[in-house]
Amino acid sequence: MKILSPLGNPNSAMSANPVSIETIKRYYRVDRREIAFLRFIFEAYDGIAVLETLEPKAGIVVFHIAPDCERDVDAILQDLKKEIVIEPAHIQNELACGKISSTLQKERVW
């Protein structure tokens, strides 16, 4: 099975098993109404980070940051903090593995 390259060029197909790269994961709590906006912003900065929503009601997201892009992501987030609520989410490892809802029930939800 072949997957077309991002440019859609059928002559430069990628294998179905692309090489996995390690990303840096950072967890944040954001205003849940702003999740789509954040996703849009980071998609515009092609390749520096991918935003994943872990708990939409509580606004818990994780950024999967490409190697050597932490400074860029930090700069973007610092600028965005002037306009929207973005704060580090301190969640435990077991919560990051799919058990997030039970602990979040005790925390503030916007």
PDB file of N, CA and C in Angstrom:
ATOM      1  N   MET A   1       0.837  -1.175   0.000  1.00  0.00           N
ATOM      2  CA  MET A   1       0.000   0.000   0.000  1.00  0.00           C
ATOM      3  C   MET A   1       0.882   1.238   0.000  1.00  0.00           C
ATOM      4  N   LYS A   2       0.543   2.209  -0.811  1.00  0.00           N
ATOM      5  CA  LYS A   2       1.303   3.451  -0.871  1.00  0.00           C
ATOM      6  C   LYS A   2       0.423   4.612  -0.457  1.00  0.00           C
ATOM      7  N   ILE A   3       1.047   5.592   0.163  1.00  0.00           N
ATOM      8  CA  ILE A   3       0.361   6.804   0.574  1.00  0.00           C
ATOM      9  C   ILE A   3       0.977   7.940  -0.222  1.00  0.00           C
ATOM     10  N   LEU A   4       0.139   8.783  -0.797  1.00  0.00           N
ATOM     11  CA  LEU A   4       0.659   9.910  -1.558  1.00  0.00           C
ATOM     12  C   LEU A   4       1.415  10.864  -0.653  1.00  0.00           C
ATOM     13  N   SER A   5       2.404  11.499  -1.215  1.00  0.00           N
ATOM     14  CA  SER A   5       3.143  12.496  -0.455  1.00  0.00           C
ATOM     15  C   SER A   5       2.217  13.658  -0.130  1.00  0.00           C
ATOM     16  N   PRO A   6       2.581  14.499   0.819  1.00  0.00           N
ATOM     17  CA  PRO A   6       1.735  15.645   1.168  1.00  0.00           C
ATOM     18  C   PRO A   6       1.443  16.558  -0.008  1.00  0.00           C
ATOM     19  N   LEU A   7       2.313  16.578  -0.993  1.00  0.00           N
ATOM     20  CA  LEU A   7       2.081  17.433  -2.147  1.00  0.00           C
ATOM     21  C   LEU A   7       1.184  16.780  -3.179  1.00  0.00           C
ATOM     22  N   GLY A   8       0.800  15.553  -2.937  1.00  0.00           N
ATOM     23  CA  GLY A   8      -0.106  14.865  -3.846  1.00  0.00           C
ATOM     24  C   GLY A   8       0.578  14.347  -5.101  1.00  0.00           C
ATOM     25  N   ASN A   9       1.885  14.292  -5.117  1.00  0.00           N
ATOM     26  CA  ASN A   9       2.626  13.829  -6.274  1.00  0.00           C
ATOM     27  C   ASN A   9       2.663  12.308  -6.266  1.00  0.00           C
ATOM     28  N   PRO A  10       1.997  11.648  -7.227  1.00  0.00           N
ATOM     29  CA  PRO A  10       1.959  10.187  -7.220  1.00  0.00           C
ATOM     30  C   PRO A  10       3.322   9.560  -7.466  1.00  0.00           C
ATOM     31  N   ASN A  11       4.280  10.316  -8.001  1.00  0.00           N
ATOM     32  CA  ASN A  11       5.608   9.773  -8.260  1.00  0.00           C
ATOM     33  C   ASN A  11       6.485   9.745  -7.019  1.00  0.00           C
ATOM     34  N   SER A  12       6.077  10.431  -5.963  1.00  0.00           N
ATOM     35  CA  SER A  12       6.872  10.411  -4.730  1.00  0.00           C
ATOM     36  C   SER A  12       6.032   9.854  -3.592  1.00  0.00           C
ATOM     37  N   ALA A  13       5.626   8.608  -3.736  1.00  0.00           N
ATOM     38  CA  ALA A  13       4.794   7.962  -2.721  1.00  0.00           C
ATOM     39  C   ALA A  13       5.623   7.568  -1.512  1.00  0.00           C
ATOM     40  N   MET A  14       4.981   7.587  -0.341  1.00  0.00           N
ATOM     41  CA  MET A  14       5.618   7.168   0.896  1.00  0.00           C
ATOM     42  C   MET A  14       5.137   5.764   1.216  1.00  0.00           C
ATOM     43  N   SER A  15       5.899   5.035   1.993  1.00  0.00           N
ATOM     44  CA  SER A  15       5.463   3.701   2.379  1.00  0.00           C
ATOM     45  C   SER A  15       4.337   3.813   3.404  1.00  0.00           C
ATOM     46  N   ALA A  16       3.586   2.738   3.560  1.00  0.00           N
ATOM     47  CA  ALA A  16       2.482   2.727   4.525  1.00  0.00           C
ATOM     48  C   ALA A  16       2.999   2.678   5.955  1.00  0.00           C
ATOM     49  N   ASN A  17       4.265   2.357   6.125  1.00  0.00           N
ATOM     50  CA  ASN A  17       4.868   2.297   7.447  1.00  0.00           C
ATOM     51  C   ASN A  17       5.934   3.384   7.564  1.00  0.00           C
ATOM     52  N   PRO A  18       5.506   4.646   7.692  1.00  0.00           N
ATOM     53  CA  PRO A  18       6.496   5.717   7.766  1.00  0.00           C
ATOM     54  C   PRO A  18       7.339   5.598   9.027  1.00  0.00           C
ATOM     55  N   VAL A  19       8.540   6.150   8.979  1.00  0.00           N
ATOM     56  CA  VAL A  19       9.434   6.124  10.121  1.00  0.00           C
ATOM     57  C   VAL A  19       8.830   6.990  11.222  1.00  0.00           C
ATOM     58  N   SER A  20       8.777   6.438  12.402  1.00  0.00           N
ATOM     59  CA  SER A  20       8.224   7.162  13.542  1.00  0.00           C
ATOM     60  C   SER A  20       9.310   8.025  14.161  1.00  0.00           C
ATOM     61  N   ILE A  21       8.977   9.279  14.445  1.00  0.00           N
ATOM     62  CA  ILE A  21       9.923  10.138  15.145  1.00  0.00           C
ATOM     63  C   ILE A  21       9.383  10.407  16.541  1.00  0.00           C
ATOM     64  N   GLU A  22      10.278  10.570  17.475  1.00  0.00           N
ATOM     65  CA  GLU A  22       9.876  10.896  18.833  1.00  0.00           C
ATOM     66  C   GLU A  22       9.455  12.356  18.895  1.00  0.00           C
ATOM     67  N   THR A  23       8.369  12.602  19.570  1.00  0.00           N
ATOM     68  CA  THR A  23       7.920  13.968  19.774  1.00  0.00           C
ATOM     69  C   THR A  23       7.936  14.273  21.267  1.00  0.00           C
ATOM     70  N   ILE A  24       7.959  15.543  21.563  1.00  0.00           N
ATOM     71  CA  ILE A  24       7.879  15.987  22.948  1.00  0.00           C
ATOM     72  C   ILE A  24       6.413  16.252  23.241  1.00  0.00           C
ATOM     73  N   LYS A  25       5.897  15.676  24.317  1.00  0.00           N
ATOM     74  CA  LYS A  25       4.493  15.878  24.672  1.00  0.00           C
ATOM     75  C   LYS A  25       4.398  16.911  25.780  1.00  0.00           C
ATOM     76  N   ARG A  26       3.520  17.883  25.550  1.00  0.00           N
ATOM     77  CA  ARG A  26       3.235  18.891  26.582  1.00  0.00           C
ATOM     78  C   ARG A  26       1.732  19.004  26.727  1.00  0.00           C
ATOM     79  N   TYR A  27       1.285  18.933  27.966  1.00  0.00           N
ATOM     80  CA  TYR A  27      -0.138  18.947  28.272  1.00  0.00           C
ATOM     81  C   TYR A  27      -0.564  20.331  28.749  1.00  0.00           C
ATOM     82  N   TYR A  28      -1.705  20.775  28.237  1.00  0.00           N
ATOM     83  CA  TYR A  28      -2.227  22.089  28.603  1.00  0.00           C
ATOM     84  C   TYR A  28      -3.722  22.020  28.834  1.00  0.00           C
ATOM     85  N   ARG A  29      -4.177  22.974  29.631  1.00  0.00           N
ATOM     86  CA  ARG A  29      -5.610  23.213  29.796  1.00  0.00           C
ATOM     87  C   ARG A  29      -5.871  24.532  29.068  1.00  0.00           C
ATOM     88  N   VAL A  30      -6.854  24.519  28.177  1.00  0.00           N
ATOM     89  CA  VAL A  30      -7.197  25.714  27.409  1.00  0.00           C
ATOM     90  C   VAL A  30      -8.706  25.924  27.486  1.00  0.00           C
ATOM     91  N   ASP A  31      -9.119  27.114  27.178  1.00  0.00           N
ATOM     92  CA  ASP A  31     -10.554  27.375  27.066  1.00  0.00           C
ATOM     93  C   ASP A  31     -11.077  26.469  25.962  1.00  0.00           C
ATOM     94  N   ARG A  32     -12.010  25.605  26.284  1.00  0.00           N
ATOM     95  CA  ARG A  32     -12.459  24.600  25.320  1.00  0.00           C
ATOM     96  C   ARG A  32     -13.019  25.207  24.047  1.00  0.00           C
ATOM     97  N   ARG A  33     -13.503  26.446  24.130  1.00  0.00           N
ATOM     98  CA  ARG A  33     -14.033  27.122  22.941  1.00  0.00           C
ATOM     99  C   ARG A  33     -12.928  27.513  21.974  1.00  0.00           C
ATOM    100  N   GLU A  34     -11.677  27.445  22.415  1.00  0.00           N
ATOM    101  CA  GLU A  34     -10.533  27.863  21.600  1.00  0.00           C
ATOM    102  C   GLU A  34      -9.729  26.700  21.025  1.00  0.00           C
ATOM    103  N   ILE A  35     -10.145  25.467  21.269  1.00  0.00           N
ATOM    104  CA  ILE A  35      -9.385  24.305  20.794  1.00  0.00           C
ATOM    105  C   ILE A  35      -9.266  24.300  19.270  1.00  0.00           C
ATOM    106  N   ALA A  36     -10.350  24.538  18.565  1.00  0.00           N
ATOM    107  CA  ALA A  36     -10.298  24.547  17.094  1.00  0.00           C
ATOM    108  C   ALA A  36      -9.382  25.657  16.591  1.00  0.00           C
ATOM    109  N   PHE A  37      -9.444  26.812  17.231  1.00  0.00           N
ATOM    110  CA  PHE A  37      -8.571  27.922  16.855  1.00  0.00           C
ATOM    111  C   PHE A  37      -7.102  27.543  17.031  1.00  0.00           C
ATOM    112  N   LEU A  38      -6.751  26.938  18.172  1.00  0.00           N
ATOM    113  CA  LEU A  38      -5.375  26.512  18.415  1.00  0.00           C
ATOM    114  C   LEU A  38      -4.915  25.488  17.374  1.00  0.00           C
ATOM    115  N   ARG A  39      -5.797  24.546  17.073  1.00  0.00           N
ATOM    116  CA  ARG A  39      -5.464  23.534  16.067  1.00  0.00           C
ATOM    117  C   ARG A  39      -5.166  24.216  14.727  1.00  0.00           C
ATOM    118  N   PHE A  40      -5.996  25.175  14.360  1.00  0.00           N
ATOM    119  CA  PHE A  40      -5.827  25.911  13.104  1.00  0.00           C
ATOM    120  C   PHE A  40      -4.481  26.641  13.083  1.00  0.00           C
ATOM    121  N   ILE A  41      -4.148  27.308  14.171  1.00  0.00           N
ATOM    122  CA  ILE A  41      -2.886  28.052  14.257  1.00  0.00           C
ATOM    123  C   ILE A  41      -1.700  27.111  14.067  1.00  0.00           C
ATOM    124  N   PHE A  42      -1.696  25.989  14.771  1.00  0.00           N
ATOM    125  CA  PHE A  42      -0.548  25.090  14.689  1.00  0.00           C
ATOM    126  C   PHE A  42      -0.496  24.317  13.378  1.00  0.00           C
ATOM    127  N   GLU A  43      -1.620  24.109  12.737  1.00  0.00           N
ATOM    128  CA  GLU A  43      -1.594  23.515  11.397  1.00  0.00           C
ATOM    129  C   GLU A  43      -0.959  24.481  10.403  1.00  0.00           C
ATOM    130  N   ALA A  44      -1.129  25.776  10.622  1.00  0.00           N
ATOM    131  CA  ALA A  44      -0.527  26.777   9.743  1.00  0.00           C
ATOM    132  C   ALA A  44       1.000  26.772   9.855  1.00  0.00           C
ATOM    133  N   TYR A  45       1.520  26.411  11.020  1.00  0.00           N
ATOM    134  CA  TYR A  45       2.963  26.275  11.206  1.00  0.00           C
ATOM    135  C   TYR A  45       3.334  24.828  10.895  1.00  0.00           C
ATOM    136  N   ASP A  46       3.241  24.471   9.672  1.00  0.00           N
ATOM    137  CA  ASP A  46       3.376  23.106   9.174  1.00  0.00           C
ATOM    138  C   ASP A  46       4.549  22.341   9.784  1.00  0.00           C
ATOM    139  N   GLY A  47       4.212  21.314  10.553  1.00  0.00           N
ATOM    140  CA  GLY A  47       5.227  20.392  11.020  1.00  0.00           C
ATOM    141  C   GLY A  47       5.852  20.656  12.372  1.00  0.00           C
ATOM    142  N   ILE A  48       5.536  21.771  13.037  1.00  0.00           N
ATOM    143  CA  ILE A  48       6.215  21.996  14.316  1.00  0.00           C
ATOM    144  C   ILE A  48       5.518  21.290  15.480  1.00  0.00           C
ATOM    145  N   ALA A  49       4.190  21.133  15.383  1.00  0.00           N
ATOM    146  CA  ALA A  49       3.465  20.455  16.457  1.00  0.00           C
ATOM    147  C   ALA A  49       2.094  20.018  15.967  1.00  0.00           C
ATOM    148  N   VAL A  50       1.596  18.967  16.597  1.00  0.00           N
ATOM    149  CA  VAL A  50       0.240  18.485  16.332  1.00  0.00           C
ATOM    150  C   VAL A  50      -0.527  18.592  17.643  1.00  0.00           C
ATOM    151  N   LEU A  51      -1.722  19.140  17.569  1.00  0.00           N
ATOM    152  CA  LEU A  51      -2.564  19.296  18.749  1.00  0.00           C
ATOM    153  C   LEU A  51      -3.551  18.146  18.813  1.00  0.00           C
ATOM    154  N   GLU A  52      -3.598  17.481  19.966  1.00  0.00           N
ATOM    155  CA  GLU A  52      -4.546  16.393  20.194  1.00  0.00           C
ATOM    156  C   GLU A  52      -5.416  16.772  21.394  1.00  0.00           C
ATOM    157  N   THR A  53      -6.721  16.626  21.256  1.00  0.00           N
ATOM    158  CA  THR A  53      -7.639  16.912  22.353  1.00  0.00           C
ATOM    159  C   THR A  53      -7.832  15.637  23.162  1.00  0.00           C
ATOM    160  N   LEU A  54      -7.515  15.704  24.452  1.00  0.00           N
ATOM    161  CA  LEU A  54      -7.677  14.541  25.315  1.00  0.00           C
ATOM    162  C   LEU A  54      -9.023  14.547  26.022  1.00  0.00           C
ATOM    163  N   GLU A  55      -9.441  15.695  26.493  1.00  0.00           N
ATOM    164  CA  GLU A  55     -10.703  15.826  27.233  1.00  0.00           C
ATOM    165  C   GLU A  55     -11.349  17.135  26.809  1.00  0.00           C
ATOM    166  N   PRO A  56     -12.243  17.090  25.805  1.00  0.00           N
ATOM    167  CA  PRO A  56     -12.801  18.322  25.254  1.00  0.00           C
ATOM    168  C   PRO A  56     -13.576  19.169  26.262  1.00  0.00           C
ATOM    169  N   LYS A  57     -14.344  18.548  27.135  1.00  0.00           N
ATOM    170  CA  LYS A  57     -15.151  19.326  28.081  1.00  0.00           C
ATOM    171  C   LYS A  57     -14.290  20.108  29.062  1.00  0.00           C
ATOM    172  N   ALA A  58     -13.150  19.545  29.436  1.00  0.00           N
ATOM    173  CA  ALA A  58     -12.258  20.209  30.373  1.00  0.00           C
ATOM    174  C   ALA A  58     -11.189  21.041  29.673  1.00  0.00           C
ATOM    175  N   GLY A  59     -11.113  20.939  28.347  1.00  0.00           N
ATOM    176  CA  GLY A  59     -10.128  21.702  27.592  1.00  0.00           C
ATOM    177  C   GLY A  59      -8.710  21.179  27.745  1.00  0.00           C
ATOM    178  N   ILE A  60      -8.566  19.877  27.975  1.00  0.00           N
ATOM    179  CA  ILE A  60      -7.241  19.285  28.121  1.00  0.00           C
ATOM    180  C   ILE A  60      -6.737  18.839  26.754  1.00  0.00           C
ATOM    181  N   VAL A  61      -5.584  19.383  26.378  1.00  0.00           N
ATOM    182  CA  VAL A  61      -4.975  19.051  25.092  1.00  0.00           C
ATOM    183  C   VAL A  61      -3.519  18.661  25.314  1.00  0.00           C
ATOM    184  N   VAL A  62      -2.971  17.976  24.334  1.00  0.00           N
ATOM    185  CA  VAL A  62      -1.549  17.659  24.347  1.00  0.00           C
ATOM    186  C   VAL A  62      -0.969  18.103  23.011  1.00  0.00           C
ATOM    187  N   PHE A  63       0.171  18.761  23.094  1.00  0.00           N
ATOM    188  CA  PHE A  63       0.910  19.128  21.900  1.00  0.00           C
ATOM    189  C   PHE A  63       1.989  18.077  21.694  1.00  0.00           C
ATOM    190  N   HIS A  64       2.034  17.498  20.506  1.00  0.00           N
ATOM    191  CA  HIS A  64       3.105  16.589  20.111  1.00  0.00           C
ATOM    192  C   HIS A  64       4.075  17.454  19.313  1.00  0.00           C
ATOM    193  N   ILE A  65       5.170  17.828  19.939  1.00  0.00           N
ATOM    194  CA  ILE A  65       6.087  18.810  19.365  1.00  0.00           C
ATOM    195  C   ILE A  65       7.243  18.111  18.674  1.00  0.00           C
ATOM    196  N   ALA A  66       7.510  18.522  17.452  1.00  0.00           N
ATOM    197  CA  ALA A  66       8.613  17.954  16.683  1.00  0.00           C
ATOM    198  C   ALA A  66       9.941  18.293  17.345  1.00  0.00           C
ATOM    199  N   PRO A  67      10.925  17.404  17.204  1.00  0.00           N
ATOM    200  CA  PRO A  67      12.241  17.677  17.782  1.00  0.00           C
ATOM    201  C   PRO A  67      12.780  19.025  17.312  1.00  0.00           C
ATOM    202  N   ASP A  68      13.410  19.723  18.223  1.00  0.00           N
ATOM    203  CA  ASP A  68      14.030  21.030  17.966  1.00  0.00           C
ATOM    204  C   ASP A  68      13.028  22.141  17.670  1.00  0.00           C
ATOM    205  N   CYS A  69      11.760  21.937  17.960  1.00  0.00           N
ATOM    206  CA  CYS A  69      10.748  22.976  17.712  1.00  0.00           C
ATOM    207  C   CYS A  69      10.135  23.511  18.997  1.00  0.00           C
ATOM    208  N   GLU A  70      10.672  23.107  20.149  1.00  0.00           N
ATOM    209  CA  GLU A  70      10.098  23.532  21.422  1.00  0.00           C
ATOM    210  C   GLU A  70      10.092  25.050  21.571  1.00  0.00           C
ATOM    211  N   ARG A  71      11.175  25.689  21.182  1.00  0.00           N
ATOM    212  CA  ARG A  71      11.240  27.152  21.313  1.00  0.00           C
ATOM    213  C   ARG A  71      10.179  27.838  20.468  1.00  0.00           C
ATOM    214  N   ASP A  72       9.976  27.342  19.254  1.00  0.00           N
ATOM    215  CA  ASP A  72       8.950  27.935  18.390  1.00  0.00           C
ATOM    216  C   ASP A  72       7.566  27.782  18.993  1.00  0.00           C
ATOM    217  N   VAL A  73       7.269  26.591  19.499  1.00  0.00           N
ATOM    218  CA  VAL A  73       5.964  26.349  20.118  1.00  0.00           C
ATOM    219  C   VAL A  73       5.799  27.228  21.350  1.00  0.00           C
ATOM    220  N   ASP A  74       6.840  27.325  22.170  1.00  0.00           N
ATOM    221  CA  ASP A  74       6.775  28.182  23.362  1.00  0.00           C
ATOM    222  C   ASP A  74       6.495  29.637  22.987  1.00  0.00           C
ATOM    223  N   ALA A  75       7.153  30.110  21.941  1.00  0.00           N
ATOM    224  CA  ALA A  75       6.956  31.510  21.508  1.00  0.00           C
ATOM    225  C   ALA A  75       5.524  31.733  21.026  1.00  0.00           C
ATOM    226  N   ILE A  76       4.998  30.786  20.273  1.00  0.00           N
ATOM    227  CA  ILE A  76       3.616  30.913  19.781  1.00  0.00           C
ATOM    228  C   ILE A  76       2.641  30.895  20.949  1.00  0.00           C
ATOM    229  N   LEU A  77       2.840  29.969  21.884  1.00  0.00           N
ATOM    230  CA  LEU A  77       1.937  29.872  23.039  1.00  0.00           C
ATOM    231  C   LEU A  77       2.019  31.127  23.914  1.00  0.00           C
ATOM    232  N   GLN A  78       3.213  31.658  24.110  1.00  0.00           N
ATOM    233  CA  GLN A  78       3.350  32.882  24.901  1.00  0.00           C
ATOM    234  C   GLN A  78       2.561  34.025  24.268  1.00  0.00           C
ATOM    235  N   ASP A  79       2.625  34.128  22.967  1.00  0.00           N
ATOM    236  CA  ASP A  79       1.884  35.177  22.276  1.00  0.00           C
ATOM    237  C   ASP A  79       0.374  34.944  22.382  1.00  0.00           C
ATOM    238  N   LEU A  80      -0.051  33.698  22.230  1.00  0.00           N
ATOM    239  CA  LEU A  80      -1.480  33.382  22.309  1.00  0.00           C
ATOM    240  C   LEU A  80      -2.045  33.575  23.715  1.00  0.00           C
ATOM    241  N   LYS A  81      -1.199  33.415  24.737  1.00  0.00           N
ATOM    242  CA  LYS A  81      -1.651  33.584  26.125  1.00  0.00           C
ATOM    243  C   LYS A  81      -2.146  34.999  26.401  1.00  0.00           C
ATOM    244  N   LYS A  82      -1.774  35.938  25.558  1.00  0.00           N
ATOM    245  CA  LYS A  82      -2.245  37.309  25.715  1.00  0.00           C
ATOM    246  C   LYS A  82      -3.729  37.422  25.382  1.00  0.00           C
ATOM    247  N   GLU A  83      -4.233  36.477  24.601  1.00  0.00           N
ATOM    248  CA  GLU A  83      -5.614  36.536  24.115  1.00  0.00           C
ATOM    249  C   GLU A  83      -6.525  35.444  24.672  1.00  0.00           C
ATOM    250  N   ILE A  84      -5.961  34.270  24.941  1.00  0.00           N
ATOM    251  CA  ILE A  84      -6.791  33.153  25.387  1.00  0.00           C
ATOM    252  C   ILE A  84      -6.141  32.456  26.587  1.00  0.00           C
ATOM    253  N   VAL A  85      -6.941  31.685  27.301  1.00  0.00           N
ATOM    254  CA  VAL A  85      -6.462  30.958  28.473  1.00  0.00           C
ATOM    255  C   VAL A  85      -5.701  29.718  28.013  1.00  0.00           C
ATOM    256  N   ILE A  86      -4.427  29.665  28.393  1.00  0.00           N
ATOM    257  CA  ILE A  86      -3.580  28.500  28.134  1.00  0.00           C
ATOM    258  C   ILE A  86      -2.725  28.323  29.374  1.00  0.00           C
ATOM    259  N   GLU A  87      -2.856  27.171  30.031  1.00  0.00           N
ATOM    260  CA  GLU A  87      -2.038  26.925  31.216  1.00  0.00           C
ATOM    261  C   GLU A  87      -1.591  25.470  31.224  1.00  0.00           C
ATOM    262  N   PRO A  88      -0.418  25.206  31.751  1.00  0.00           N
ATOM    263  CA  PRO A  88       0.054  23.819  31.808  1.00  0.00           C
ATOM    264  C   PRO A  88      -0.928  22.951  32.590  1.00  0.00           C
ATOM    265  N   ALA A  89      -1.158  21.762  32.103  1.00  0.00           N
ATOM    266  CA  ALA A  89      -2.017  20.796  32.800  1.00  0.00           C
ATOM    267  C   ALA A  89      -1.101  19.774  33.443  1.00  0.00           C
ATOM    268  N   HIS A  90      -1.196  19.657  34.729  1.00  0.00           N
ATOM    269  CA  HIS A  90      -0.356  18.708  35.461  1.00  0.00           C
ATOM    270  C   HIS A  90      -1.148  17.426  35.642  1.00  0.00           C
ATOM    271  N   ILE A  91      -0.943  16.513  34.700  1.00  0.00           N
ATOM    272  CA  ILE A  91      -1.651  15.237  34.778  1.00  0.00           C
ATOM    273  C   ILE A  91      -0.641  14.131  34.955  1.00  0.00           C
ATOM    274  N   GLN A  92      -1.067  13.072  35.581  1.00  0.00           N
ATOM    275  CA  GLN A  92      -0.178  11.960  35.882  1.00  0.00           C
ATOM    276  C   GLN A  92      -0.089  11.028  34.680  1.00  0.00           C
ATOM    277  N   ASN A  93       0.941  10.192  34.661  1.00  0.00           N
ATOM    278  CA  ASN A  93       1.175   9.280  33.548  1.00  0.00           C
ATOM    279  C   ASN A  93      -0.019   8.374  33.267  1.00  0.00           C
ATOM    280  N   GLU A  94      -0.658   7.866  34.299  1.00  0.00           N
ATOM    281  CA  GLU A  94      -1.780   6.959  34.054  1.00  0.00           C
ATOM    282  C   GLU A  94      -2.952   7.706  33.408  1.00  0.00           C
ATOM    283  N   LEU A  95      -3.071   9.000  33.680  1.00  0.00           N
ATOM    284  CA  LEU A  95      -4.124   9.776  33.048  1.00  0.00           C
ATOM    285  C   LEU A  95      -3.835   9.957  31.570  1.00  0.00           C
ATOM    286  N   ALA A  96      -2.577  10.096  31.219  1.00  0.00           N
ATOM    287  CA  ALA A  96      -2.195  10.264  29.821  1.00  0.00           C
ATOM    288  C   ALA A  96      -2.431   8.986  29.027  1.00  0.00           C
ATOM    289  N   CYS A  97      -2.637   7.883  29.709  1.00  0.00           N
ATOM    290  CA  CYS A  97      -2.861   6.603  29.029  1.00  0.00           C
ATOM    291  C   CYS A  97      -4.346   6.266  28.925  1.00  0.00           C
ATOM    292  N   GLY A  98      -5.213   7.251  28.980  1.00  0.00           N
ATOM    293  CA  GLY A  98      -6.624   7.006  28.755  1.00  0.00           C
ATOM    294  C   GLY A  98      -7.506   7.040  29.978  1.00  0.00           C
ATOM    295  N   LYS A  99      -6.954   7.275  31.142  1.00  0.00           N
ATOM    296  CA  LYS A  99      -7.743   7.287  32.369  1.00  0.00           C
ATOM    297  C   LYS A  99      -7.910   8.707  32.880  1.00  0.00           C
ATOM    298  N   ILE A 100      -8.037   9.646  31.983  1.00  0.00           N
ATOM    299  CA  ILE A 100      -8.000  11.059  32.349  1.00  0.00           C
ATOM    300  C   ILE A 100      -9.290  11.558  32.997  1.00  0.00           C
ATOM    301  N   SER A 101     -10.431  11.041  32.633  1.00  0.00           N
ATOM    302  CA  SER A 101     -11.715  11.590  33.066  1.00  0.00           C
ATOM    303  C   SER A 101     -11.920  11.565  34.575  1.00  0.00           C
ATOM    304  N   SER A 102     -11.486  10.508  35.246  1.00  0.00           N
ATOM    305  CA  SER A 102     -11.777  10.393  36.673  1.00  0.00           C
ATOM    306  C   SER A 102     -11.152  11.511  37.489  1.00  0.00           C
ATOM    307  N   THR A 103      -9.943  11.892  37.215  1.00  0.00           N
ATOM    308  CA  THR A 103      -9.284  12.955  37.972  1.00  0.00           C
ATOM    309  C   THR A 103      -9.804  14.322  37.594  1.00  0.00           C
ATOM    310  N   LEU A 104     -10.144  14.520  36.346  1.00  0.00           N
ATOM    311  CA  LEU A 104     -10.598  15.831  35.900  1.00  0.00           C
ATOM    312  C   LEU A 104     -11.941  16.230  36.493  1.00  0.00           C
ATOM    313  N   GLN A 105     -12.705  15.266  36.935  1.00  0.00           N
ATOM    314  CA  GLN A 105     -13.996  15.596  37.536  1.00  0.00           C
ATOM    315  C   GLN A 105     -13.813  16.464  38.779  1.00  0.00           C
ATOM    316  N   LYS A 106     -12.660  16.363  39.423  1.00  0.00           N
ATOM    317  CA  LYS A 106     -12.379  17.127  40.630  1.00  0.00           C
ATOM    318  C   LYS A 106     -11.851  18.525  40.318  1.00  0.00           C
ATOM    319  N   GLU A 107     -11.430  18.742  39.065  1.00  0.00           N
ATOM    320  CA  GLU A 107     -10.792  20.004  38.701  1.00  0.00           C
ATOM    321  C   GLU A 107     -11.769  20.958  38.046  1.00  0.00           C
ATOM    322  N   ARG A 108     -11.358  22.209  37.963  1.00  0.00           N
ATOM    323  CA  ARG A 108     -12.175  23.268  37.367  1.00  0.00           C
ATOM    324  C   ARG A 108     -12.419  22.986  35.890  1.00  0.00           C
ATOM    325  N   VAL A 109     -13.651  23.202  35.467  1.00  0.00           N
ATOM    326  CA  VAL A 109     -14.023  23.057  34.062  1.00  0.00           C
ATOM    327  C   VAL A 109     -14.631  24.375  33.631  1.00  0.00           C
ATOM    328  N   TRP A 110     -14.161  24.898  32.484  1.00  0.00           N
ATOM    329  CA  TRP A 110     -14.706  26.169  31.990  1.00  0.00           C
ATOM    330  C   TRP A 110     -16.067  25.954  31.404  1.00  0.00           C
TER     331      TRP A 110
END
